[in-house]
Amino acid sequence: MAFAPAAFFIFLVVLFTTSLAHAGPDAPYYDKPDGPLSYNFYDKSCPNLGMMVRWGVWAALKNDTRMAASLLRLHFHDCFVDGEKNALPNRNSARGYEVIDSIKADVEKYCPSTVSCVDILALAAREAVVMSGGPFWPVLLGRLDGLSASEKSANEQLPSPFEPLDNITARFVAKGLDVKDVVVLSGAHTIGFAQCFTFKRRLFNYKGTGKPDPSLDSSFLSNLQTLCPNVDKSNTKLTALDSQTTNRFDNMYYKNIVNNTGLLESDQALIGDPKTASMVKDYSADPFLFAKDFAASMVKLGKLGVITGQDGQIRKKCSAVNL
């Protein structure tokens, strides 16, 4: 990855300002290991890891702002299951592998066979959120990459936007998360896009009624029907999950839900259940509360599915197990 002088100067400004912003909340965590993981795992073996990841993410977002949501989604899927790019929830939609591959290649030059791909992804997801205006959270490091990936597990365990809220919540609980994490982590939909097929039934044939979802705001419904007409060729068209502040990580997602303009059925369902509606309203009114709770839930998410010891390896290339 070539560092053009002008681009590198801009990156240094970003690095300096974000480092100042993170200095306070990061410090208390450095001396608190969590089992085999720690916040300063690579301080001696790869001291410039943070800067290399930050540069790689910055360059990727400069080229494609959608990549922030893609990296965050990859991290979520990787934590939930031993990620498999060909699984149904990922097929033709999971993006960002090439960004992690590029960062990994840079890291290998300076710290060969030292840093796992999953740790790079965990750091990259955090940087993507921060660079999009979202909160910082400390990332535990020291994970190993898996020796295999399970398409079956991904198909069975990853939540779907077509599922009832109770089913989605059950999937989270099975992983050690809770209903609050469901609401908080759904807030990641403040950035990113969805393909029309993921919400089209809300527009034309909600639950087999032959009519639109009655909970949708009428003006929002009309706009979506124009963007995603009821024909097969529109299935893969993209629509912003948050059309108000598409590329900014904020609490607009919750305001949209309160205003009946949540895009996915699973998003809008959060306001229809008493267990989650009050949290949605709280986050819609208080961006700082959302930022704090999102950071806390991301720390919990980062502890799921951790591989250490003989069960994993440090891959030389993220796309393949070492021979």
C-alpha atoms as a PDB file:
ATOM      1  CA  MET A   1       0.000   0.000   0.000  1.00  0.00           C
ATOM      2  CA  ALA A   2       1.793   3.150  -1.206  1.00  0.00           C
ATOM      3  CA  PHE A   3       1.709   6.217   1.068  1.00  0.00           C
ATOM      4  CA  ALA A   4       1.252   9.196  -1.266  1.00  0.00           C
ATOM      5  CA  PRO A   5       2.611  12.339   0.501  1.00  0.00           C
ATOM      6  CA  ALA A   6      -0.625  14.352   0.452  1.00  0.00           C
ATOM      7  CA  ALA A   7      -2.785  11.404   1.450  1.00  0.00           C
ATOM      8  CA  PHE A   8      -0.392  10.399   4.194  1.00  0.00           C
ATOM      9  CA  PHE A   9      -0.412  13.939   5.623  1.00  0.00           C
ATOM     10  CA  ILE A  10      -4.215  13.856   5.798  1.00  0.00           C
ATOM     11  CA  PHE A  11      -4.050  10.432   7.393  1.00  0.00           C
ATOM     12  CA  LEU A  12      -1.626  11.697  10.044  1.00  0.00           C
ATOM     13  CA  VAL A  13      -4.082  14.463  10.930  1.00  0.00           C
ATOM     14  CA  VAL A  14      -6.868  11.884  11.254  1.00  0.00           C
ATOM     15  CA  LEU A  15      -4.603   9.591  13.263  1.00  0.00           C
ATOM     16  CA  PHE A  16      -3.526  12.416  15.594  1.00  0.00           C
ATOM     17  CA  THR A  17      -7.045  13.685  16.254  1.00  0.00           C
ATOM     18  CA  THR A  18      -8.538  10.236  16.781  1.00  0.00           C
ATOM     19  CA  SER A  19      -5.635   9.310  19.054  1.00  0.00           C
ATOM     20  CA  LEU A  20      -6.354  12.372  21.201  1.00  0.00           C
ATOM     21  CA  ALA A  21     -10.029  11.503  21.276  1.00  0.00           C
ATOM     22  CA  HIS A  22      -9.289   7.935  22.352  1.00  0.00           C
ATOM     23  CA  ALA A  23      -6.577   8.647  24.908  1.00  0.00           C
ATOM     24  CA  GLY A  24      -8.983   9.011  27.813  1.00  0.00           C
ATOM     25  CA  PRO A  25     -11.326   6.033  27.511  1.00  0.00           C
ATOM     26  CA  ASP A  26      -8.639   3.607  26.350  1.00  0.00           C
ATOM     27  CA  ALA A  27      -6.167   3.985  29.193  1.00  0.00           C
ATOM     28  CA  PRO A  28      -8.055   2.173  31.997  1.00  0.00           C
ATOM     29  CA  TYR A  29      -8.315  -1.027  29.955  1.00  0.00           C
ATOM     30  CA  TYR A  30      -4.677  -1.673  29.148  1.00  0.00           C
ATOM     31  CA  ASP A  31      -3.851  -3.531  32.363  1.00  0.00           C
ATOM     32  CA  LYS A  32      -7.010  -5.661  32.408  1.00  0.00           C
ATOM     33  CA  PRO A  33      -6.512  -9.004  30.642  1.00  0.00           C
ATOM     34  CA  ASP A  34      -9.592 -11.122  29.916  1.00  0.00           C
ATOM     35  CA  GLY A  35      -8.551 -14.773  29.940  1.00  0.00           C
ATOM     36  CA  PRO A  36      -6.055 -15.356  27.119  1.00  0.00           C
ATOM     37  CA  LEU A  37      -6.922 -12.007  25.549  1.00  0.00           C
ATOM     38  CA  SER A  38      -5.645  -8.566  26.470  1.00  0.00           C
ATOM     39  CA  TYR A  39      -5.883  -5.017  25.218  1.00  0.00           C
ATOM     40  CA  ASN A  40      -2.123  -4.685  24.774  1.00  0.00           C
ATOM     41  CA  PHE A  41      -1.478  -8.128  23.283  1.00  0.00           C
ATOM     42  CA  TYR A  42       0.614  -6.832  20.350  1.00  0.00           C
ATOM     43  CA  ASP A  43       2.285  -3.874  22.051  1.00  0.00           C
ATOM     44  CA  LYS A  44       5.701  -5.533  21.866  1.00  0.00           C
ATOM     45  CA  SER A  45       5.331  -7.966  18.968  1.00  0.00           C
ATOM     46  CA  CYS A  46       3.637  -5.522  16.547  1.00  0.00           C
ATOM     47  CA  PRO A  47       3.632  -2.019  18.070  1.00  0.00           C
ATOM     48  CA  ASN A  48       2.435  -0.249  14.905  1.00  0.00           C
ATOM     49  CA  LEU A  49      -0.555  -2.545  14.356  1.00  0.00           C
ATOM     50  CA  GLY A  50      -3.114   0.091  15.304  1.00  0.00           C
ATOM     51  CA  MET A  51      -1.714   2.633  12.883  1.00  0.00           C
ATOM     52  CA  MET A  52      -1.564   0.111  10.028  1.00  0.00           C
ATOM     53  CA  VAL A  53      -5.163  -0.942  10.555  1.00  0.00           C
ATOM     54  CA  ARG A  54      -6.304   2.669  10.870  1.00  0.00           C
ATOM     55  CA  TRP A  55      -4.526   3.606   7.641  1.00  0.00           C
ATOM     56  CA  GLY A  56      -6.009   0.644   5.779  1.00  0.00           C
ATOM     57  CA  VAL A  57      -9.544   1.448   6.917  1.00  0.00           C
ATOM     58  CA  TRP A  58      -9.136   5.152   6.163  1.00  0.00           C
ATOM     59  CA  ALA A  59      -7.948   4.376   2.634  1.00  0.00           C
ATOM     60  CA  ALA A  60     -10.853   1.955   2.107  1.00  0.00           C
ATOM     61  CA  LEU A  61     -13.469   4.460   3.313  1.00  0.00           C
ATOM     62  CA  LYS A  62     -11.915   7.199   1.216  1.00  0.00           C
ATOM     63  CA  ASN A  63     -12.498   4.974  -1.809  1.00  0.00           C
ATOM     64  CA  ASP A  64     -15.936   3.661  -0.762  1.00  0.00           C
ATOM     65  CA  THR A  65     -17.911   5.035   2.197  1.00  0.00           C
ATOM     66  CA  ARG A  66     -20.122   1.922   2.184  1.00  0.00           C
ATOM     67  CA  MET A  67     -17.136  -0.056   3.399  1.00  0.00           C
ATOM     68  CA  ALA A  68     -17.638   1.111   6.991  1.00  0.00           C
ATOM     69  CA  ALA A  69     -20.896  -0.823   7.280  1.00  0.00           C
ATOM     70  CA  SER A  70     -19.396  -3.765   5.402  1.00  0.00           C
ATOM     71  CA  LEU A  71     -16.505  -4.132   7.838  1.00  0.00           C
ATOM     72  CA  LEU A  72     -18.816  -3.836  10.839  1.00  0.00           C
ATOM     73  CA  ARG A  73     -21.105  -6.510   9.386  1.00  0.00           C
ATOM     74  CA  LEU A  74     -18.170  -8.835   8.702  1.00  0.00           C
ATOM     75  CA  HIS A  75     -17.068  -8.511  12.319  1.00  0.00           C
ATOM     76  CA  PHE A  76     -20.577  -9.241  13.597  1.00  0.00           C
ATOM     77  CA  HIS A  77     -20.888 -12.342  11.426  1.00  0.00           C
ATOM     78  CA  ASP A  78     -17.407 -13.509  12.386  1.00  0.00           C
ATOM     79  CA  CYS A  79     -18.208 -13.216  16.097  1.00  0.00           C
ATOM     80  CA  PHE A  80     -21.607 -14.894  15.775  1.00  0.00           C
ATOM     81  CA  VAL A  81     -20.332 -17.908  13.815  1.00  0.00           C
ATOM     82  CA  ASP A  82     -17.073 -19.124  12.324  1.00  0.00           C
ATOM     83  CA  GLY A  83     -17.670 -16.951   9.264  1.00  0.00           C
ATOM     84  CA  GLU A  84     -18.371 -18.440   5.863  1.00  0.00           C
ATOM     85  CA  LYS A  85     -18.641 -16.095   2.895  1.00  0.00           C
ATOM     86  CA  ASN A  86     -20.732 -18.527   0.816  1.00  0.00           C
ATOM     87  CA  ALA A  87     -23.436 -18.949   3.454  1.00  0.00           C
ATOM     88  CA  LEU A  88     -26.885 -17.691   2.479  1.00  0.00           C
ATOM     89  CA  PRO A  89     -26.814 -14.605   4.757  1.00  0.00           C
ATOM     90  CA  ASN A  90     -23.489 -13.562   3.174  1.00  0.00           C
ATOM     91  CA  ARG A  91     -23.935 -14.591  -0.443  1.00  0.00           C
ATOM     92  CA  ASN A  92     -23.749 -11.653  -2.850  1.00  0.00           C
ATOM     93  CA  SER A  93     -23.849  -9.229   0.075  1.00  0.00           C
ATOM     94  CA  ALA A  94     -20.844  -9.682   2.386  1.00  0.00           C
ATOM     95  CA  ARG A  95     -18.124  -7.204   1.429  1.00  0.00           C
ATOM     96  CA  GLY A  96     -14.808  -6.050   2.838  1.00  0.00           C
ATOM     97  CA  TYR A  97     -12.750  -9.223   2.620  1.00  0.00           C
ATOM     98  CA  GLU A  98     -10.348  -7.491   0.261  1.00  0.00           C
ATOM     99  CA  VAL A  99      -9.805  -4.658   2.760  1.00  0.00           C
ATOM    100  CA  ILE A 100      -8.833  -7.108   5.502  1.00  0.00           C
ATOM    101  CA  ASP A 101      -6.610  -8.993   3.036  1.00  0.00           C
ATOM    102  CA  SER A 102      -4.842  -5.751   2.123  1.00  0.00           C
ATOM    103  CA  ILE A 103      -4.273  -4.750   5.752  1.00  0.00           C
ATOM    104  CA  LYS A 104      -3.094  -8.271   6.550  1.00  0.00           C
ATOM    105  CA  ALA A 105      -0.548  -8.115   3.712  1.00  0.00           C
ATOM    106  CA  ASP A 106       0.862  -4.869   5.132  1.00  0.00           C
ATOM    107  CA  VAL A 107       0.954  -6.286   8.653  1.00  0.00           C
ATOM    108  CA  GLU A 108       2.771  -9.417   7.435  1.00  0.00           C
ATOM    109  CA  LYS A 109       5.571  -7.263   6.018  1.00  0.00           C
ATOM    110  CA  TYR A 110       6.353  -5.770   9.427  1.00  0.00           C
ATOM    111  CA  CYS A 111       5.058  -8.444  11.807  1.00  0.00           C
ATOM    112  CA  PRO A 112       5.150 -11.802   9.976  1.00  0.00           C
ATOM    113  CA  SER A 113       3.047 -14.643  11.390  1.00  0.00           C
ATOM    114  CA  THR A 114       2.129 -12.553  14.416  1.00  0.00           C
ATOM    115  CA  VAL A 115      -1.338 -10.984  14.048  1.00  0.00           C
ATOM    116  CA  SER A 116      -4.478 -12.978  13.290  1.00  0.00           C
ATOM    117  CA  CYS A 117      -6.983 -11.974  10.646  1.00  0.00           C
ATOM    118  CA  VAL A 118      -9.808 -11.954  13.209  1.00  0.00           C
ATOM    119  CA  ASP A 119      -7.935  -9.437  15.358  1.00  0.00           C
ATOM    120  CA  ILE A 120      -7.345  -7.240  12.309  1.00  0.00           C
ATOM    121  CA  LEU A 121     -11.067  -7.447  11.512  1.00  0.00           C
ATOM    122  CA  ALA A 122     -12.045  -6.571  15.092  1.00  0.00           C
ATOM    123  CA  LEU A 123      -9.811  -3.489  15.016  1.00  0.00           C
ATOM    124  CA  ALA A 124     -10.947  -2.532  11.510  1.00  0.00           C
ATOM    125  CA  ALA A 125     -14.620  -2.651  12.508  1.00  0.00           C
ATOM    126  CA  ARG A 126     -13.917  -0.346  15.442  1.00  0.00           C
ATOM    127  CA  GLU A 127     -11.969   2.108  13.267  1.00  0.00           C
ATOM    128  CA  ALA A 128     -14.711   2.082  10.618  1.00  0.00           C
ATOM    129  CA  VAL A 129     -17.306   3.091  13.207  1.00  0.00           C
ATOM    130  CA  VAL A 130     -15.081   5.792  14.722  1.00  0.00           C
ATOM    131  CA  MET A 131     -14.256   7.267  11.308  1.00  0.00           C
ATOM    132  CA  SER A 132     -17.994   7.372  10.550  1.00  0.00           C
ATOM    133  CA  GLY A 133     -18.665   9.451  13.657  1.00  0.00           C
ATOM    134  CA  GLY A 134     -19.460   6.632  16.039  1.00  0.00           C
ATOM    135  CA  PRO A 135     -18.061   5.660  19.457  1.00  0.00           C
ATOM    136  CA  PHE A 136     -14.701   4.177  20.353  1.00  0.00           C
ATOM    137  CA  TRP A 137     -14.470   0.931  22.321  1.00  0.00           C
ATOM    138  CA  PRO A 138     -11.452  -1.041  23.568  1.00  0.00           C
ATOM    139  CA  VAL A 139     -10.721  -4.214  21.575  1.00  0.00           C
ATOM    140  CA  LEU A 140      -9.429  -7.335  23.280  1.00  0.00           C
ATOM    141  CA  LEU A 141      -6.705  -8.961  21.187  1.00  0.00           C
ATOM    142  CA  GLY A 142      -5.007 -12.336  20.986  1.00  0.00           C
ATOM    143  CA  ARG A 143      -7.600 -14.338  19.037  1.00  0.00           C
ATOM    144  CA  LEU A 144      -6.534 -17.012  16.592  1.00  0.00           C
ATOM    145  CA  ASP A 145      -8.022 -17.674  13.173  1.00  0.00           C
ATOM    146  CA  GLY A 146     -10.209 -20.737  12.728  1.00  0.00           C
ATOM    147  CA  LEU A 147      -9.061 -23.959  11.145  1.00  0.00           C
ATOM    148  CA  SER A 148     -12.309 -24.227   9.206  1.00  0.00           C
ATOM    149  CA  ALA A 149     -15.493 -22.293   8.370  1.00  0.00           C
ATOM    150  CA  SER A 150     -18.997 -23.662   8.610  1.00  0.00           C
ATOM    151  CA  GLU A 151     -21.540 -22.695   5.960  1.00  0.00           C
ATOM    152  CA  LYS A 152     -24.134 -24.796   7.814  1.00  0.00           C
ATOM    153  CA  SER A 153     -23.582 -22.916  11.096  1.00  0.00           C
ATOM    154  CA  ALA A 154     -23.804 -19.547   9.352  1.00  0.00           C
ATOM    155  CA  ASN A 155     -27.056 -20.523   7.655  1.00  0.00           C
ATOM    156  CA  GLU A 156     -28.552 -21.750  10.927  1.00  0.00           C
ATOM    157  CA  GLN A 157     -27.294 -19.177  13.434  1.00  0.00           C
ATOM    158  CA  LEU A 158     -27.103 -15.768  11.768  1.00  0.00           C
ATOM    159  CA  PRO A 159     -30.239 -13.635  12.296  1.00  0.00           C
ATOM    160  CA  SER A 160     -32.409 -12.855   9.275  1.00  0.00           C
ATOM    161  CA  PRO A 161     -34.361  -9.639   8.571  1.00  0.00           C
ATOM    162  CA  PHE A 162     -37.390 -11.839   7.796  1.00  0.00           C
ATOM    163  CA  GLU A 163     -37.523 -13.419  11.253  1.00  0.00           C
ATOM    164  CA  PRO A 164     -39.838 -12.404  14.097  1.00  0.00           C
ATOM    165  CA  LEU A 165     -38.179 -10.402  16.860  1.00  0.00           C
ATOM    166  CA  ASP A 166     -38.549 -13.281  19.342  1.00  0.00           C
ATOM    167  CA  ASN A 167     -36.542 -15.569  17.036  1.00  0.00           C
ATOM    168  CA  ILE A 168     -33.787 -12.980  16.577  1.00  0.00           C
ATOM    169  CA  THR A 169     -33.638 -12.397  20.323  1.00  0.00           C
ATOM    170  CA  ALA A 170     -33.362 -16.149  20.923  1.00  0.00           C
ATOM    171  CA  ARG A 171     -30.352 -16.318  18.593  1.00  0.00           C
ATOM    172  CA  PHE A 172     -28.650 -13.530  20.555  1.00  0.00           C
ATOM    173  CA  VAL A 173     -29.459 -15.133  23.919  1.00  0.00           C
ATOM    174  CA  ALA A 174     -28.036 -18.460  22.696  1.00  0.00           C
ATOM    175  CA  LYS A 175     -24.716 -16.649  22.191  1.00  0.00           C
ATOM    176  CA  GLY A 176     -24.698 -15.082  25.634  1.00  0.00           C
ATOM    177  CA  LEU A 177     -26.150 -11.718  24.626  1.00  0.00           C
ATOM    178  CA  ASP A 178     -29.518 -10.283  25.684  1.00  0.00           C
ATOM    179  CA  VAL A 179     -32.480  -8.286  24.416  1.00  0.00           C
ATOM    180  CA  LYS A 180     -30.702  -4.996  25.132  1.00  0.00           C
ATOM    181  CA  ASP A 181     -27.858  -6.112  22.862  1.00  0.00           C
ATOM    182  CA  VAL A 182     -30.420  -6.860  20.148  1.00  0.00           C
ATOM    183  CA  VAL A 183     -31.690  -3.278  20.268  1.00  0.00           C
ATOM    184  CA  VAL A 184     -28.254  -1.701  20.625  1.00  0.00           C
ATOM    185  CA  LEU A 185     -26.450  -3.704  17.949  1.00  0.00           C
ATOM    186  CA  SER A 186     -29.356  -3.226  15.545  1.00  0.00           C
ATOM    187  CA  GLY A 187     -28.337   0.423  15.710  1.00  0.00           C
ATOM    188  CA  ALA A 188     -25.458  -0.508  13.403  1.00  0.00           C
ATOM    189  CA  HIS A 189     -28.080  -0.108  10.680  1.00  0.00           C
ATOM    190  CA  THR A 190     -27.527   3.619  11.000  1.00  0.00           C
ATOM    191  CA  ILE A 191     -24.991   3.071   8.189  1.00  0.00           C
ATOM    192  CA  GLY A 192     -25.020   0.770   5.187  1.00  0.00           C
ATOM    193  CA  PHE A 193     -27.442  -0.391   2.534  1.00  0.00           C
ATOM    194  CA  ALA A 194     -29.902  -3.245   2.022  1.00  0.00           C
ATOM    195  CA  GLN A 195     -30.938  -5.013  -1.151  1.00  0.00           C
ATOM    196  CA  CYS A 196     -34.572  -4.553  -2.116  1.00  0.00           C
ATOM    197  CA  PHE A 197     -35.432  -8.242  -1.711  1.00  0.00           C
ATOM    198  CA  THR A 198     -34.762  -7.958   2.047  1.00  0.00           C
ATOM    199  CA  PHE A 199     -37.747  -5.655   2.580  1.00  0.00           C
ATOM    200  CA  LYS A 200     -39.818  -5.803  -0.619  1.00  0.00           C
ATOM    201  CA  ARG A 201     -42.580  -7.906   0.876  1.00  0.00           C
ATOM    202  CA  ARG A 202     -43.307  -5.013   3.237  1.00  0.00           C
ATOM    203  CA  LEU A 203     -44.047  -2.857   0.214  1.00  0.00           C
ATOM    204  CA  PHE A 204     -46.416  -5.069  -1.727  1.00  0.00           C
ATOM    205  CA  ASN A 205     -47.414  -8.278   0.066  1.00  0.00           C
ATOM    206  CA  TYR A 206     -46.956  -7.979   3.803  1.00  0.00           C
ATOM    207  CA  LYS A 207     -47.470 -11.359   5.468  1.00  0.00           C
ATOM    208  CA  GLY A 208     -49.407 -12.626   2.451  1.00  0.00           C
ATOM    209  CA  THR A 209     -52.086  -9.926   2.613  1.00  0.00           C
ATOM    210  CA  GLY A 210     -51.412  -8.583  -0.888  1.00  0.00           C
ATOM    211  CA  LYS A 211     -51.087  -5.148   0.720  1.00  0.00           C
ATOM    212  CA  PRO A 212     -48.203  -3.064   2.143  1.00  0.00           C
ATOM    213  CA  ASP A 213     -47.155  -3.152   5.778  1.00  0.00           C
ATOM    214  CA  PRO A 214     -49.682  -0.834   7.478  1.00  0.00           C
ATOM    215  CA  SER A 215     -47.034   0.381   9.927  1.00  0.00           C
ATOM    216  CA  LEU A 216     -44.984   2.054   7.165  1.00  0.00           C
ATOM    217  CA  ASP A 217     -45.181   5.822   6.851  1.00  0.00           C
ATOM    218  CA  SER A 218     -47.170   6.496   3.658  1.00  0.00           C
ATOM    219  CA  SER A 219     -44.654   8.889   2.108  1.00  0.00           C
ATOM    220  CA  PHE A 220     -41.768   6.538   2.937  1.00  0.00           C
ATOM    221  CA  LEU A 221     -43.722   3.639   1.439  1.00  0.00           C
ATOM    222  CA  SER A 222     -44.307   5.539  -1.801  1.00  0.00           C
ATOM    223  CA  ASN A 223     -40.608   6.378  -2.125  1.00  0.00           C
ATOM    224  CA  LEU A 224     -39.589   2.768  -1.507  1.00  0.00           C
ATOM    225  CA  GLN A 225     -42.079   1.444  -4.052  1.00  0.00           C
ATOM    226  CA  THR A 226     -40.500   3.756  -6.608  1.00  0.00           C
ATOM    227  CA  LEU A 227     -36.985   2.685  -5.680  1.00  0.00           C
ATOM    228  CA  CYS A 228     -37.874  -1.008  -5.512  1.00  0.00           C
ATOM    229  CA  PRO A 229     -40.707  -1.763  -7.958  1.00  0.00           C
ATOM    230  CA  ASN A 230     -42.439  -5.117  -7.652  1.00  0.00           C
ATOM    231  CA  VAL A 231     -40.392  -6.859 -10.332  1.00  0.00           C
ATOM    232  CA  ASP A 232     -37.621  -9.419  -9.940  1.00  0.00           C
ATOM    233  CA  LYS A 233     -34.953  -7.287 -11.574  1.00  0.00           C
ATOM    234  CA  SER A 234     -35.159  -4.782  -8.695  1.00  0.00           C
ATOM    235  CA  ASN A 235     -34.279  -7.414  -6.065  1.00  0.00           C
ATOM    236  CA  THR A 236     -30.590  -6.516  -5.902  1.00  0.00           C
ATOM    237  CA  LYS A 237     -31.008  -2.729  -6.036  1.00  0.00           C
ATOM    238  CA  LEU A 238     -29.589  -0.990  -2.988  1.00  0.00           C
ATOM    239  CA  THR A 239     -31.396   1.316  -0.571  1.00  0.00           C
ATOM    240  CA  ALA A 240     -29.868   3.122   2.401  1.00  0.00           C
ATOM    241  CA  LEU A 241     -30.790   1.623   5.754  1.00  0.00           C
ATOM    242  CA  ASP A 242     -30.898   5.199   7.067  1.00  0.00           C
ATOM    243  CA  SER A 243     -31.790   7.601   4.277  1.00  0.00           C
ATOM    244  CA  GLN A 244     -31.419  10.660   6.527  1.00  0.00           C
ATOM    245  CA  THR A 245     -27.735  10.400   7.533  1.00  0.00           C
ATOM    246  CA  THR A 246     -26.610   7.522   5.338  1.00  0.00           C
ATOM    247  CA  ASN A 247     -22.878   7.601   5.992  1.00  0.00           C
ATOM    248  CA  ARG A 248     -22.852   8.930   9.552  1.00  0.00           C
ATOM    249  CA  PHE A 249     -22.919   6.680  12.577  1.00  0.00           C
ATOM    250  CA  ASP A 250     -25.509   8.328  14.822  1.00  0.00           C
ATOM    251  CA  ASN A 251     -28.868   7.637  16.473  1.00  0.00           C
ATOM    252  CA  MET A 252     -31.011   8.516  13.442  1.00  0.00           C
ATOM    253  CA  TYR A 253     -31.808   4.818  13.009  1.00  0.00           C
ATOM    254  CA  TYR A 254     -33.940   4.948  16.157  1.00  0.00           C
ATOM    255  CA  LYS A 255     -35.612   8.201  15.164  1.00  0.00           C
ATOM    256  CA  ASN A 256     -36.573   6.554  11.886  1.00  0.00           C
ATOM    257  CA  ILE A 257     -38.165   3.636  13.733  1.00  0.00           C
ATOM    258  CA  VAL A 258     -40.138   5.973  15.991  1.00  0.00           C
ATOM    259  CA  ASN A 259     -41.351   7.759  12.838  1.00  0.00           C
ATOM    260  CA  ASN A 260     -42.340   4.450  11.172  1.00  0.00           C
ATOM    261  CA  THR A 261     -39.600   4.756   8.570  1.00  0.00           C
ATOM    262  CA  GLY A 262     -37.446   1.799   9.611  1.00  0.00           C
ATOM    263  CA  LEU A 263     -36.399  -0.035   6.459  1.00  0.00           C
ATOM    264  CA  LEU A 264     -36.251  -3.683   7.499  1.00  0.00           C
ATOM    265  CA  GLU A 265     -39.166  -5.524   9.044  1.00  0.00           C
ATOM    266  CA  SER A 266     -36.889  -6.643  11.888  1.00  0.00           C
ATOM    267  CA  ASP A 267     -35.925  -3.017  12.551  1.00  0.00           C
ATOM    268  CA  GLN A 268     -39.472  -1.677  12.691  1.00  0.00           C
ATOM    269  CA  ALA A 269     -40.509  -4.598  14.915  1.00  0.00           C
ATOM    270  CA  LEU A 270     -38.419  -3.102  17.738  1.00  0.00           C
ATOM    271  CA  ILE A 271     -41.012  -0.382  18.335  1.00  0.00           C
ATOM    272  CA  GLY A 272     -43.893  -2.846  18.383  1.00  0.00           C
ATOM    273  CA  ASP A 273     -42.692  -4.904  21.345  1.00  0.00           C
ATOM    274  CA  PRO A 274     -42.955  -3.479  24.875  1.00  0.00           C
ATOM    275  CA  LYS A 275     -39.635  -5.133  25.819  1.00  0.00           C
ATOM    276  CA  THR A 276     -37.753  -3.109  23.205  1.00  0.00           C
ATOM    277  CA  ALA A 277     -39.907  -0.047  22.425  1.00  0.00           C
ATOM    278  CA  SER A 278     -38.797   1.924  25.484  1.00  0.00           C
ATOM    279  CA  MET A 279     -35.135   1.399  24.590  1.00  0.00           C
ATOM    280  CA  VAL A 280     -35.741   2.536  21.011  1.00  0.00           C
ATOM    281  CA  LYS A 281     -37.352   5.724  22.306  1.00  0.00           C
ATOM    282  CA  ASP A 282     -34.512   6.313  24.772  1.00  0.00           C
ATOM    283  CA  TYR A 283     -31.853   5.956  22.063  1.00  0.00           C
ATOM    284  CA  SER A 284     -33.809   8.144  19.644  1.00  0.00           C
ATOM    285  CA  ALA A 285     -33.766  10.921  22.225  1.00  0.00           C
ATOM    286  CA  ASP A 286     -30.226  10.503  23.568  1.00  0.00           C
ATOM    287  CA  PRO A 287     -27.336   9.960  21.101  1.00  0.00           C
ATOM    288  CA  PHE A 288     -24.804   9.798  23.938  1.00  0.00           C
ATOM    289  CA  LEU A 289     -26.683   6.970  25.641  1.00  0.00           C
ATOM    290  CA  PHE A 290     -26.714   5.041  22.366  1.00  0.00           C
ATOM    291  CA  ALA A 291     -22.999   5.627  21.803  1.00  0.00           C
ATOM    292  CA  LYS A 292     -22.156   4.428  25.323  1.00  0.00           C
ATOM    293  CA  ASP A 293     -24.335   1.333  25.125  1.00  0.00           C
ATOM    294  CA  PHE A 294     -23.216   0.481  21.582  1.00  0.00           C
ATOM    295  CA  ALA A 295     -19.589   0.509  22.705  1.00  0.00           C
ATOM    296  CA  ALA A 296     -20.436  -1.761  25.646  1.00  0.00           C
ATOM    297  CA  SER A 297     -22.319  -4.231  23.446  1.00  0.00           C
ATOM    298  CA  MET A 298     -19.452  -4.303  20.938  1.00  0.00           C
ATOM    299  CA  VAL A 299     -17.080  -5.287  23.743  1.00  0.00           C
ATOM    300  CA  LYS A 300     -19.457  -8.153  24.635  1.00  0.00           C
ATOM    301  CA  LEU A 301     -19.742  -9.155  20.969  1.00  0.00           C
ATOM    302  CA  GLY A 302     -15.964  -9.245  20.636  1.00  0.00           C
ATOM    303  CA  LYS A 303     -15.757 -11.937  23.319  1.00  0.00           C
ATOM    304  CA  LEU A 304     -17.937 -14.394  21.370  1.00  0.00           C
ATOM    305  CA  GLY A 305     -16.490 -17.317  19.465  1.00  0.00           C
ATOM    306  CA  VAL A 306     -12.904 -16.635  20.550  1.00  0.00           C
ATOM    307  CA  ILE A 307     -10.404 -19.254  19.365  1.00  0.00           C
ATOM    308  CA  THR A 308      -7.110 -19.733  21.191  1.00  0.00           C
ATOM    309  CA  GLY A 309      -4.472 -22.416  21.718  1.00  0.00           C
ATOM    310  CA  GLN A 310      -4.428 -25.542  19.574  1.00  0.00           C
ATOM    311  CA  ASP A 311      -7.868 -24.813  18.132  1.00  0.00           C
ATOM    312  CA  GLY A 312      -6.616 -22.067  15.827  1.00  0.00           C
ATOM    313  CA  GLN A 313      -3.731 -20.551  13.922  1.00  0.00           C
ATOM    314  CA  ILE A 314      -2.431 -17.236  12.613  1.00  0.00           C
ATOM    315  CA  ARG A 315      -3.215 -17.388   8.934  1.00  0.00           C
ATOM    316  CA  LYS A 316      -0.661 -16.041   6.493  1.00  0.00           C
ATOM    317  CA  LYS A 317      -3.510 -15.196   4.100  1.00  0.00           C
ATOM    318  CA  CYS A 318      -6.954 -14.559   5.507  1.00  0.00           C
ATOM    319  CA  SER A 319      -8.736 -16.400   2.705  1.00  0.00           C
ATOM    320  CA  ALA A 320      -7.059 -19.755   3.346  1.00  0.00           C
ATOM    321  CA  VAL A 321      -5.975 -22.010   6.177  1.00  0.00           C
ATOM    322  CA  ASN A 322      -2.205 -22.463   6.404  1.00  0.00           C
ATOM    323  CA  LEU A 323      -0.961 -25.699   4.828  1.00  0.00           C
END
